[in-house]
Amino acid sequence: MQGDFLEHRQALSRLGVDAPEIRLPHQLDEIDGLIIPGGESTTIVQLIDMYDFRDALRQRSQEGMAIWGTCAGMIVVANRLTDKRPEPLRLMDIEVSRNAFGRQVDSFEADIEFEDIDGAPFHCVFIRAPVVNSVGESVKVLAALDDGRPVAVRQGRMLATAFHPELTGDSRIHEMFVRMARAPK
């Protein structure tokens, strides 16, 4: 609905995955996984509520649909935010701070070790990025900054990254998400 969904679609297309754009809640029944992209979290949540996605997303999540939130999407799927807005979906047992690293000019890139993917550290692009402050017992930290703050987490069939893998040309995290979405429920 808003954000860098086109870049995710292109990354999935390179993997041979059909990735339709989802515009209405009933379309969630036709997919195995959903990426909530980076963008502006308040706008994304307003659109979710305007188009009555909130209950449908919660239901499909409970049914086992894989969900991946990148950057603003991490904010949207969180259980708690340190900010007063937007109202997150409360799907993943994490607490998140929006714009944790500052303004647009404070955006940065870093190579970070990432659990559950093979090969070299993942090149991460952080743009006005959030960060995970705390995780619940069932949440696995997949990647963290040198100071220990988590920037990639997984809980069951949900994934959240504070950075933008779709901007790197490295498909390893997209491949992991595709495996999550295709795995038996």
N, C-alpha and C. Protein backbone atom coordinates (compact mmCIF):
# COMPACT_ATOMS: atom_id res chain seq x y z
N MET A 1 0.81 -1.20 0.00
CA MET A 1 0.00 0.00 0.00
C MET A 1 0.85 1.25 0.00
N GLN A 2 1.99 1.17 0.66
CA GLN A 2 2.88 2.32 0.76
C GLN A 2 4.27 1.78 1.05
N GLY A 3 5.30 2.45 0.59
CA GLY A 3 6.65 2.02 0.90
C GLY A 3 7.35 1.39 -0.29
N ASP A 4 8.46 0.71 0.00
CA ASP A 4 9.31 0.17 -1.07
C ASP A 4 8.93 -1.26 -1.46
N PHE A 5 7.65 -1.48 -1.71
CA PHE A 5 7.19 -2.81 -2.08
C PHE A 5 7.72 -3.26 -3.44
N LEU A 6 7.95 -2.32 -4.36
CA LEU A 6 8.43 -2.68 -5.69
C LEU A 6 9.79 -3.38 -5.61
N GLU A 7 10.69 -2.89 -4.77
CA GLU A 7 12.01 -3.49 -4.63
C GLU A 7 11.92 -4.92 -4.09
N HIS A 8 10.98 -5.16 -3.17
CA HIS A 8 10.77 -6.53 -2.67
C HIS A 8 10.22 -7.42 -3.79
N ARG A 9 9.28 -6.92 -4.56
CA ARG A 9 8.72 -7.70 -5.67
C ARG A 9 9.81 -8.06 -6.65
N GLN A 10 10.71 -7.14 -6.95
CA GLN A 10 11.80 -7.42 -7.88
C GLN A 10 12.75 -8.47 -7.30
N ALA A 11 13.06 -8.37 -6.00
CA ALA A 11 13.93 -9.36 -5.37
C ALA A 11 13.29 -10.75 -5.42
N LEU A 12 12.00 -10.84 -5.14
CA LEU A 12 11.31 -12.12 -5.18
C LEU A 12 11.21 -12.65 -6.61
N SER A 13 10.99 -11.77 -7.56
CA SER A 13 10.93 -12.17 -8.97
C SER A 13 12.25 -12.79 -9.41
N ARG A 14 13.37 -12.23 -8.97
CA ARG A 14 14.69 -12.81 -9.31
C ARG A 14 14.83 -14.22 -8.76
N LEU A 15 14.06 -14.54 -7.72
CA LEU A 15 14.07 -15.90 -7.14
C LEU A 15 13.02 -16.80 -7.78
N GLY A 16 12.29 -16.27 -8.75
CA GLY A 16 11.25 -17.05 -9.41
C GLY A 16 9.95 -17.13 -8.64
N VAL A 17 9.74 -16.20 -7.72
CA VAL A 17 8.55 -16.20 -6.88
C VAL A 17 7.56 -15.16 -7.39
N ASP A 18 6.31 -15.59 -7.58
CA ASP A 18 5.24 -14.67 -7.95
C ASP A 18 4.86 -13.89 -6.69
N ALA A 19 4.90 -12.58 -6.79
CA ALA A 19 4.63 -11.73 -5.62
C ALA A 19 3.60 -10.67 -6.00
N PRO A 20 2.32 -11.01 -5.88
CA PRO A 20 1.29 -10.03 -6.22
C PRO A 20 1.22 -8.91 -5.18
N GLU A 21 0.79 -7.75 -5.64
CA GLU A 21 0.54 -6.65 -4.70
C GLU A 21 -0.78 -6.91 -4.01
N ILE A 22 -0.81 -6.76 -2.71
CA ILE A 22 -2.01 -6.99 -1.92
C ILE A 22 -2.61 -5.63 -1.58
N ARG A 23 -3.84 -5.40 -2.03
CA ARG A 23 -4.49 -4.10 -1.84
C ARG A 23 -5.76 -4.18 -0.99
N LEU A 24 -6.32 -5.40 -0.87
CA LEU A 24 -7.56 -5.57 -0.11
C LEU A 24 -7.45 -6.78 0.80
N PRO A 25 -8.11 -6.75 1.96
CA PRO A 25 -7.95 -7.83 2.94
C PRO A 25 -8.23 -9.23 2.41
N HIS A 26 -9.24 -9.40 1.54
CA HIS A 26 -9.56 -10.75 1.05
C HIS A 26 -8.42 -11.36 0.24
N GLN A 27 -7.51 -10.52 -0.28
CA GLN A 27 -6.38 -11.03 -1.05
C GLN A 27 -5.38 -11.78 -0.17
N LEU A 28 -5.42 -11.55 1.14
CA LEU A 28 -4.52 -12.26 2.05
C LEU A 28 -4.77 -13.76 2.02
N ASP A 29 -5.99 -14.18 1.67
CA ASP A 29 -6.32 -15.60 1.60
C ASP A 29 -5.62 -16.30 0.45
N GLU A 30 -5.08 -15.54 -0.50
CA GLU A 30 -4.48 -16.10 -1.71
C GLU A 30 -2.96 -16.25 -1.61
N ILE A 31 -2.37 -15.88 -0.47
CA ILE A 31 -0.90 -15.88 -0.37
C ILE A 31 -0.43 -16.68 0.84
N ASP A 32 0.84 -17.09 0.77
CA ASP A 32 1.46 -17.83 1.87
C ASP A 32 2.34 -16.95 2.75
N GLY A 33 2.72 -15.78 2.23
CA GLY A 33 3.59 -14.88 2.98
C GLY A 33 3.36 -13.44 2.55
N LEU A 34 3.57 -12.53 3.49
CA LEU A 34 3.36 -11.11 3.23
C LEU A 34 4.57 -10.33 3.74
N ILE A 35 5.07 -9.43 2.91
CA ILE A 35 6.13 -8.52 3.33
C ILE A 35 5.49 -7.16 3.56
N ILE A 36 5.66 -6.64 4.77
CA ILE A 36 5.26 -5.26 5.08
C ILE A 36 6.53 -4.45 4.95
N PRO A 37 6.62 -3.62 3.91
CA PRO A 37 7.90 -3.00 3.55
C PRO A 37 8.24 -1.78 4.39
N GLY A 38 9.44 -1.27 4.12
CA GLY A 38 9.82 0.01 4.67
C GLY A 38 8.99 1.10 4.03
N GLY A 39 8.98 2.23 4.65
CA GLY A 39 8.18 3.37 4.21
C GLY A 39 7.98 4.26 5.43
N GLU A 40 6.78 4.73 5.61
CA GLU A 40 6.47 5.57 6.76
C GLU A 40 5.46 4.81 7.61
N SER A 41 5.86 4.40 8.80
CA SER A 41 5.04 3.50 9.61
C SER A 41 3.67 4.06 9.96
N THR A 42 3.59 5.35 10.25
CA THR A 42 2.30 5.94 10.59
C THR A 42 1.36 5.86 9.39
N THR A 43 1.85 6.15 8.21
CA THR A 43 1.03 6.06 7.00
C THR A 43 0.62 4.62 6.71
N ILE A 44 1.55 3.68 6.87
CA ILE A 44 1.23 2.26 6.64
C ILE A 44 0.11 1.82 7.57
N VAL A 45 0.20 2.17 8.86
CA VAL A 45 -0.83 1.77 9.82
C VAL A 45 -2.16 2.46 9.51
N GLN A 46 -2.11 3.72 9.12
CA GLN A 46 -3.36 4.41 8.73
C GLN A 46 -4.02 3.69 7.57
N LEU A 47 -3.25 3.27 6.58
CA LEU A 47 -3.81 2.54 5.44
C LEU A 47 -4.32 1.17 5.85
N ILE A 48 -3.61 0.48 6.73
CA ILE A 48 -4.08 -0.81 7.25
C ILE A 48 -5.46 -0.65 7.87
N ASP A 49 -5.62 0.40 8.67
CA ASP A 49 -6.91 0.62 9.33
C ASP A 49 -7.97 1.13 8.36
N MET A 50 -7.59 2.00 7.44
CA MET A 50 -8.53 2.55 6.46
C MET A 50 -9.13 1.45 5.58
N TYR A 51 -8.31 0.46 5.24
CA TYR A 51 -8.77 -0.62 4.37
C TYR A 51 -9.13 -1.89 5.14
N ASP A 52 -9.29 -1.78 6.46
CA ASP A 52 -9.74 -2.89 7.31
C ASP A 52 -8.85 -4.13 7.23
N PHE A 53 -7.55 -3.92 7.24
CA PHE A 53 -6.60 -5.04 7.21
C PHE A 53 -6.27 -5.58 8.60
N ARG A 54 -6.42 -4.79 9.66
CA ARG A 54 -5.89 -5.15 10.97
C ARG A 54 -6.36 -6.54 11.42
N ASP A 55 -7.67 -6.77 11.44
CA ASP A 55 -8.18 -8.07 11.90
C ASP A 55 -7.78 -9.20 10.96
N ALA A 56 -7.81 -8.92 9.66
CA ALA A 56 -7.45 -9.96 8.68
C ALA A 56 -5.97 -10.35 8.83
N LEU A 57 -5.10 -9.37 9.06
CA LEU A 57 -3.68 -9.67 9.25
C LEU A 57 -3.46 -10.48 10.52
N ARG A 58 -4.13 -10.11 11.58
CA ARG A 58 -3.99 -10.88 12.83
C ARG A 58 -4.47 -12.31 12.65
N GLN A 59 -5.63 -12.47 11.99
CA GLN A 59 -6.18 -13.81 11.77
C GLN A 59 -5.25 -14.65 10.90
N ARG A 60 -4.77 -14.10 9.79
CA ARG A 60 -3.88 -14.85 8.90
C ARG A 60 -2.56 -15.18 9.60
N SER A 61 -2.09 -14.29 10.45
CA SER A 61 -0.88 -14.56 11.22
C SER A 61 -1.12 -15.75 12.16
N GLN A 62 -2.25 -15.75 12.84
CA GLN A 62 -2.58 -16.86 13.75
C GLN A 62 -2.74 -18.17 13.00
N GLU A 63 -3.18 -18.10 11.74
CA GLU A 63 -3.33 -19.29 10.91
C GLU A 63 -1.99 -19.78 10.36
N GLY A 64 -0.93 -18.99 10.54
CA GLY A 64 0.40 -19.43 10.13
C GLY A 64 0.95 -18.78 8.88
N MET A 65 0.29 -17.74 8.36
CA MET A 65 0.87 -17.05 7.21
C MET A 65 2.18 -16.40 7.64
N ALA A 66 3.21 -16.55 6.83
CA ALA A 66 4.50 -15.93 7.13
C ALA A 66 4.39 -14.42 6.89
N ILE A 67 4.98 -13.65 7.80
CA ILE A 67 4.96 -12.19 7.69
C ILE A 67 6.37 -11.68 7.96
N TRP A 68 6.82 -10.76 7.12
CA TRP A 68 8.14 -10.14 7.27
C TRP A 68 7.97 -8.64 7.23
N GLY A 69 8.39 -7.97 8.27
CA GLY A 69 8.38 -6.52 8.32
C GLY A 69 9.79 -5.98 8.19
N THR A 70 10.02 -5.11 7.19
CA THR A 70 11.33 -4.50 7.02
C THR A 70 11.24 -3.02 7.36
N CYS A 71 12.14 -2.55 8.21
CA CYS A 71 12.22 -1.16 8.64
C CYS A 71 10.87 -0.70 9.21
N ALA A 72 10.11 0.10 8.49
CA ALA A 72 8.80 0.53 9.00
C ALA A 72 7.91 -0.68 9.27
N GLY A 73 8.07 -1.73 8.47
CA GLY A 73 7.30 -2.96 8.69
C GLY A 73 7.61 -3.59 10.04
N MET A 74 8.86 -3.45 10.51
CA MET A 74 9.21 -3.94 11.85
C MET A 74 8.40 -3.20 12.90
N ILE A 75 8.24 -1.91 12.73
CA ILE A 75 7.45 -1.09 13.66
C ILE A 75 6.00 -1.57 13.64
N VAL A 76 5.47 -1.83 12.46
CA VAL A 76 4.07 -2.22 12.30
C VAL A 76 3.78 -3.56 12.97
N VAL A 77 4.68 -4.54 12.89
CA VAL A 77 4.40 -5.88 13.45
C VAL A 77 4.71 -5.98 14.94
N ALA A 78 5.37 -4.99 15.50
CA ALA A 78 5.79 -5.05 16.91
C ALA A 78 4.60 -5.14 17.87
N ASN A 79 4.89 -5.68 19.03
CA ASN A 79 3.90 -5.72 20.10
C ASN A 79 3.84 -4.38 20.84
N ARG A 80 5.01 -3.77 21.01
CA ARG A 80 5.10 -2.51 21.76
C ARG A 80 6.06 -1.56 21.05
N LEU A 81 5.76 -0.26 21.18
CA LEU A 81 6.64 0.78 20.67
C LEU A 81 7.00 1.71 21.82
N THR A 82 8.17 2.33 21.75
CA THR A 82 8.52 3.34 22.75
C THR A 82 7.84 4.66 22.41
N ASP A 83 7.37 4.79 21.18
CA ASP A 83 6.66 5.98 20.72
C ASP A 83 5.16 5.80 20.94
N LYS A 84 4.43 6.90 20.98
CA LYS A 84 2.99 6.84 21.19
C LYS A 84 2.22 6.47 19.93
N ARG A 85 2.81 6.64 18.79
CA ARG A 85 2.14 6.29 17.54
C ARG A 85 3.15 5.66 16.60
N PRO A 86 2.75 4.88 15.67
CA PRO A 86 1.39 4.43 15.38
C PRO A 86 0.99 3.27 16.30
N GLU A 87 -0.23 2.81 16.19
CA GLU A 87 -0.70 1.66 16.95
C GLU A 87 -0.27 0.40 16.20
N PRO A 88 0.73 -0.35 16.72
CA PRO A 88 1.23 -1.52 15.98
C PRO A 88 0.21 -2.66 15.95
N LEU A 89 0.48 -3.65 15.10
CA LEU A 89 -0.42 -4.80 14.97
C LEU A 89 -0.31 -5.77 16.14
N ARG A 90 0.75 -5.69 16.91
CA ARG A 90 0.97 -6.58 18.07
C ARG A 90 1.05 -8.05 17.64
N LEU A 91 1.82 -8.30 16.59
CA LEU A 91 1.99 -9.66 16.09
C LEU A 91 3.24 -10.33 16.64
N MET A 92 4.29 -9.57 16.87
CA MET A 92 5.59 -10.12 17.27
C MET A 92 5.96 -9.57 18.64
N ASP A 93 6.45 -10.44 19.51
CA ASP A 93 6.74 -10.06 20.89
C ASP A 93 8.08 -9.31 20.99
N ILE A 94 8.06 -8.09 20.43
CA ILE A 94 9.23 -7.22 20.48
C ILE A 94 8.79 -5.80 20.83
N GLU A 95 9.72 -5.06 21.46
CA GLU A 95 9.52 -3.63 21.67
C GLU A 95 10.49 -2.91 20.75
N VAL A 96 9.98 -1.91 20.02
CA VAL A 96 10.75 -1.23 18.98
C VAL A 96 10.74 0.28 19.22
N SER A 97 11.87 0.91 18.92
CA SER A 97 11.96 2.37 18.89
C SER A 97 12.07 2.82 17.45
N ARG A 98 11.19 3.73 17.04
CA ARG A 98 11.24 4.29 15.69
C ARG A 98 12.43 5.24 15.57
N ASN A 99 12.95 5.38 14.35
CA ASN A 99 14.04 6.33 14.06
C ASN A 99 15.12 6.31 15.14
N ALA A 100 15.52 5.12 15.53
CA ALA A 100 16.43 4.96 16.66
C ALA A 100 17.81 5.57 16.44
N PHE A 101 18.19 5.76 15.18
CA PHE A 101 19.53 6.26 14.89
C PHE A 101 19.53 7.72 14.46
N GLY A 102 18.37 8.35 14.49
CA GLY A 102 18.30 9.76 14.15
C GLY A 102 17.61 10.02 12.83
N ARG A 103 17.97 11.14 12.24
CA ARG A 103 17.31 11.64 11.03
C ARG A 103 17.86 10.97 9.78
N GLN A 104 17.32 11.36 8.64
CA GLN A 104 17.72 10.80 7.34
C GLN A 104 19.24 10.90 7.14
N VAL A 105 19.83 12.00 7.54
CA VAL A 105 21.28 12.18 7.34
C VAL A 105 22.10 11.22 8.20
N ASP A 106 21.47 10.60 9.19
CA ASP A 106 22.16 9.65 10.06
C ASP A 106 22.04 8.22 9.57
N SER A 107 21.45 8.03 8.39
CA SER A 107 21.34 6.69 7.81
C SER A 107 22.74 6.14 7.56
N PHE A 108 22.88 4.82 7.58
CA PHE A 108 24.21 4.21 7.45
C PHE A 108 24.10 2.80 6.90
N GLU A 109 25.25 2.23 6.58
CA GLU A 109 25.35 0.85 6.12
C GLU A 109 26.37 0.12 6.98
N ALA A 110 26.15 -1.19 7.15
CA ALA A 110 27.07 -1.99 7.96
C ALA A 110 26.99 -3.45 7.52
N ASP A 111 28.11 -4.16 7.60
CA ASP A 111 28.15 -5.59 7.35
C ASP A 111 27.97 -6.29 8.68
N ILE A 112 26.93 -7.14 8.77
CA ILE A 112 26.54 -7.75 10.04
C ILE A 112 26.38 -9.25 9.88
N GLU A 113 26.93 -9.99 10.84
CA GLU A 113 26.73 -11.44 10.87
C GLU A 113 25.24 -11.72 11.08
N PHE A 114 24.71 -12.69 10.32
CA PHE A 114 23.28 -12.98 10.34
C PHE A 114 23.09 -14.48 10.51
N GLU A 115 22.46 -14.88 11.60
CA GLU A 115 22.20 -16.31 11.84
C GLU A 115 21.20 -16.84 10.84
N ASP A 116 21.28 -18.11 10.57
CA ASP A 116 20.36 -18.84 9.70
C ASP A 116 20.52 -18.53 8.21
N ILE A 117 21.57 -17.79 7.83
CA ILE A 117 21.91 -17.68 6.41
C ILE A 117 23.41 -17.96 6.28
N ASP A 118 23.77 -18.61 5.20
CA ASP A 118 25.16 -18.98 4.98
C ASP A 118 25.93 -17.84 4.32
N GLY A 119 27.24 -17.91 4.44
CA GLY A 119 28.11 -16.99 3.72
C GLY A 119 28.59 -15.82 4.55
N ALA A 120 29.04 -14.84 3.82
CA ALA A 120 29.63 -13.64 4.42
C ALA A 120 28.59 -12.85 5.22
N PRO A 121 29.07 -11.92 6.05
CA PRO A 121 28.13 -11.03 6.74
C PRO A 121 27.21 -10.34 5.73
N PHE A 122 26.00 -10.01 6.17
CA PHE A 122 25.02 -9.38 5.29
C PHE A 122 25.25 -7.87 5.29
N HIS A 123 25.25 -7.28 4.09
CA HIS A 123 25.41 -5.82 3.98
C HIS A 123 24.05 -5.19 4.25
N CYS A 124 23.94 -4.45 5.33
CA CYS A 124 22.67 -3.88 5.79
C CYS A 124 22.61 -2.38 5.52
N VAL A 125 21.47 -1.95 4.97
CA VAL A 125 21.23 -0.54 4.67
C VAL A 125 20.17 -0.04 5.65
N PHE A 126 20.58 0.87 6.53
CA PHE A 126 19.71 1.43 7.56
C PHE A 126 19.31 2.85 7.15
N ILE A 127 18.00 3.08 6.94
CA ILE A 127 17.50 4.40 6.56
C ILE A 127 16.45 4.83 7.59
N ARG A 128 16.80 5.81 8.41
CA ARG A 128 15.90 6.25 9.50
C ARG A 128 15.35 5.02 10.22
N ALA A 129 16.21 4.12 10.57
CA ALA A 129 15.84 2.78 10.99
C ALA A 129 15.37 2.70 12.44
N PRO A 130 14.50 1.71 12.69
CA PRO A 130 14.13 1.39 14.05
C PRO A 130 15.17 0.45 14.66
N VAL A 131 15.00 0.16 15.93
CA VAL A 131 15.83 -0.85 16.58
C VAL A 131 14.97 -1.58 17.60
N VAL A 132 15.31 -2.85 17.86
CA VAL A 132 14.59 -3.65 18.84
C VAL A 132 15.20 -3.39 20.21
N ASN A 133 14.37 -2.98 21.15
CA ASN A 133 14.83 -2.72 22.52
C ASN A 133 14.77 -3.98 23.39
N SER A 134 13.75 -4.80 23.17
CA SER A 134 13.60 -6.02 23.96
C SER A 134 12.84 -7.05 23.15
N VAL A 135 13.10 -8.32 23.47
CA VAL A 135 12.44 -9.43 22.79
C VAL A 135 11.82 -10.35 23.83
N GLY A 136 10.71 -10.98 23.45
CA GLY A 136 10.07 -11.98 24.29
C GLY A 136 10.82 -13.29 24.23
N GLU A 137 10.43 -14.22 25.09
CA GLU A 137 11.13 -15.51 25.19
C GLU A 137 11.11 -16.32 23.90
N SER A 138 10.06 -16.17 23.10
CA SER A 138 9.94 -16.98 21.88
C SER A 138 10.56 -16.30 20.66
N VAL A 139 11.22 -15.18 20.86
CA VAL A 139 11.83 -14.43 19.75
C VAL A 139 13.32 -14.74 19.69
N LYS A 140 13.80 -15.08 18.50
CA LYS A 140 15.22 -15.36 18.28
C LYS A 140 15.87 -14.15 17.62
N VAL A 141 16.97 -13.70 18.18
CA VAL A 141 17.74 -12.61 17.56
C VAL A 141 18.61 -13.22 16.48
N LEU A 142 18.44 -12.75 15.25
CA LEU A 142 19.20 -13.26 14.11
C LEU A 142 20.42 -12.40 13.78
N ALA A 143 20.34 -11.10 14.10
CA ALA A 143 21.45 -10.19 13.82
C ALA A 143 21.39 -9.02 14.79
N ALA A 144 22.58 -8.56 15.19
CA ALA A 144 22.67 -7.43 16.12
C ALA A 144 23.84 -6.55 15.72
N LEU A 145 23.74 -5.30 16.11
CA LEU A 145 24.84 -4.36 15.91
C LEU A 145 25.98 -4.71 16.85
N ASP A 146 27.12 -4.10 16.65
CA ASP A 146 28.28 -4.35 17.52
C ASP A 146 27.97 -4.05 18.99
N ASP A 147 27.05 -3.11 19.25
CA ASP A 147 26.70 -2.77 20.63
C ASP A 147 25.66 -3.72 21.23
N GLY A 148 25.26 -4.74 20.45
CA GLY A 148 24.33 -5.75 20.95
C GLY A 148 22.87 -5.50 20.65
N ARG A 149 22.52 -4.35 20.11
CA ARG A 149 21.11 -4.06 19.82
C ARG A 149 20.64 -4.89 18.63
N PRO A 150 19.53 -5.65 18.80
CA PRO A 150 19.02 -6.49 17.72
C PRO A 150 18.48 -5.67 16.56
N VAL A 151 18.80 -6.13 15.33
CA VAL A 151 18.29 -5.49 14.13
C VAL A 151 17.60 -6.49 13.19
N ALA A 152 17.58 -7.77 13.58
CA ALA A 152 16.83 -8.79 12.85
C ALA A 152 16.39 -9.84 13.86
N VAL A 153 15.09 -10.17 13.82
CA VAL A 153 14.52 -11.11 14.78
C VAL A 153 13.52 -12.02 14.07
N ARG A 154 13.31 -13.19 14.67
CA ARG A 154 12.33 -14.14 14.14
C ARG A 154 11.53 -14.73 15.29
N GLN A 155 10.24 -14.86 15.06
CA GLN A 155 9.34 -15.52 16.01
C GLN A 155 8.41 -16.40 15.20
N GLY A 156 8.63 -17.70 15.26
CA GLY A 156 7.82 -18.62 14.46
C GLY A 156 7.94 -18.30 12.98
N ARG A 157 6.81 -17.97 12.36
CA ARG A 157 6.77 -17.66 10.93
C ARG A 157 6.80 -16.15 10.68
N MET A 158 7.26 -15.40 11.67
CA MET A 158 7.39 -13.95 11.50
C MET A 158 8.86 -13.56 11.55
N LEU A 159 9.20 -12.61 10.70
CA LEU A 159 10.55 -12.09 10.57
C LEU A 159 10.47 -10.58 10.60
N ALA A 160 11.44 -9.93 11.22
CA ALA A 160 11.49 -8.46 11.20
C ALA A 160 12.94 -8.03 11.09
N THR A 161 13.19 -7.08 10.18
CA THR A 161 14.53 -6.53 10.00
C THR A 161 14.44 -5.01 10.06
N ALA A 162 15.39 -4.40 10.75
CA ALA A 162 15.41 -2.94 10.88
C ALA A 162 16.00 -2.28 9.64
N PHE A 163 16.58 -3.07 8.78
CA PHE A 163 17.27 -2.57 7.60
C PHE A 163 16.52 -3.01 6.34
N HIS A 164 17.07 -2.66 5.18
CA HIS A 164 16.43 -2.87 3.88
C HIS A 164 17.18 -3.88 3.03
N PRO A 165 16.95 -5.19 3.20
CA PRO A 165 17.64 -6.18 2.37
C PRO A 165 17.31 -6.05 0.89
N GLU A 166 16.15 -5.52 0.57
CA GLU A 166 15.72 -5.40 -0.82
C GLU A 166 16.54 -4.38 -1.62
N LEU A 167 17.34 -3.57 -0.93
CA LEU A 167 18.16 -2.56 -1.60
C LEU A 167 19.59 -3.01 -1.86
N THR A 168 19.91 -4.26 -1.51
CA THR A 168 21.30 -4.69 -1.57
C THR A 168 21.66 -5.57 -2.76
N GLY A 169 20.70 -6.24 -3.37
CA GLY A 169 21.03 -7.20 -4.41
C GLY A 169 21.39 -8.56 -3.85
N ASP A 170 21.49 -8.70 -2.54
CA ASP A 170 21.77 -9.97 -1.86
C ASP A 170 20.43 -10.61 -1.50
N SER A 171 20.16 -11.77 -2.06
CA SER A 171 18.84 -12.39 -1.90
C SER A 171 18.73 -13.37 -0.74
N ARG A 172 19.76 -13.49 0.08
CA ARG A 172 19.75 -14.56 1.10
C ARG A 172 18.61 -14.42 2.11
N ILE A 173 18.26 -13.23 2.53
CA ILE A 173 17.17 -13.08 3.50
C ILE A 173 15.83 -13.30 2.80
N HIS A 174 15.69 -12.84 1.57
CA HIS A 174 14.47 -13.13 0.82
C HIS A 174 14.31 -14.65 0.63
N GLU A 175 15.41 -15.34 0.35
CA GLU A 175 15.36 -16.80 0.22
C GLU A 175 14.89 -17.43 1.52
N MET A 176 15.39 -16.95 2.65
CA MET A 176 14.98 -17.48 3.95
C MET A 176 13.48 -17.25 4.15
N PHE A 177 12.99 -16.07 3.80
CA PHE A 177 11.56 -15.79 3.97
C PHE A 177 10.71 -16.68 3.06
N VAL A 178 11.15 -16.92 1.85
CA VAL A 178 10.42 -17.80 0.95
C VAL A 178 10.34 -19.20 1.56
N ARG A 179 11.44 -19.68 2.12
CA ARG A 179 11.41 -21.00 2.79
C ARG A 179 10.42 -20.99 3.95
N MET A 180 10.39 -19.90 4.71
CA MET A 180 9.43 -19.79 5.84
C MET A 180 8.00 -19.87 5.31
N ALA A 181 7.72 -19.14 4.24
CA ALA A 181 6.35 -19.10 3.70
C ALA A 181 5.93 -20.43 3.10
N ARG A 182 6.88 -21.17 2.55
CA ARG A 182 6.56 -22.45 1.90
C ARG A 182 6.58 -23.62 2.87
N ALA A 183 7.12 -23.43 4.05
CA ALA A 183 7.20 -24.53 5.02
C ALA A 183 5.79 -24.95 5.47
N PRO A 184 5.61 -26.24 5.74
CA PRO A 184 4.30 -26.70 6.24
C PRO A 184 3.93 -25.95 7.52
N LYS A 185 2.66 -25.67 7.65
CA LYS A 185 2.17 -24.94 8.83
C LYS A 185 1.96 -25.89 9.99
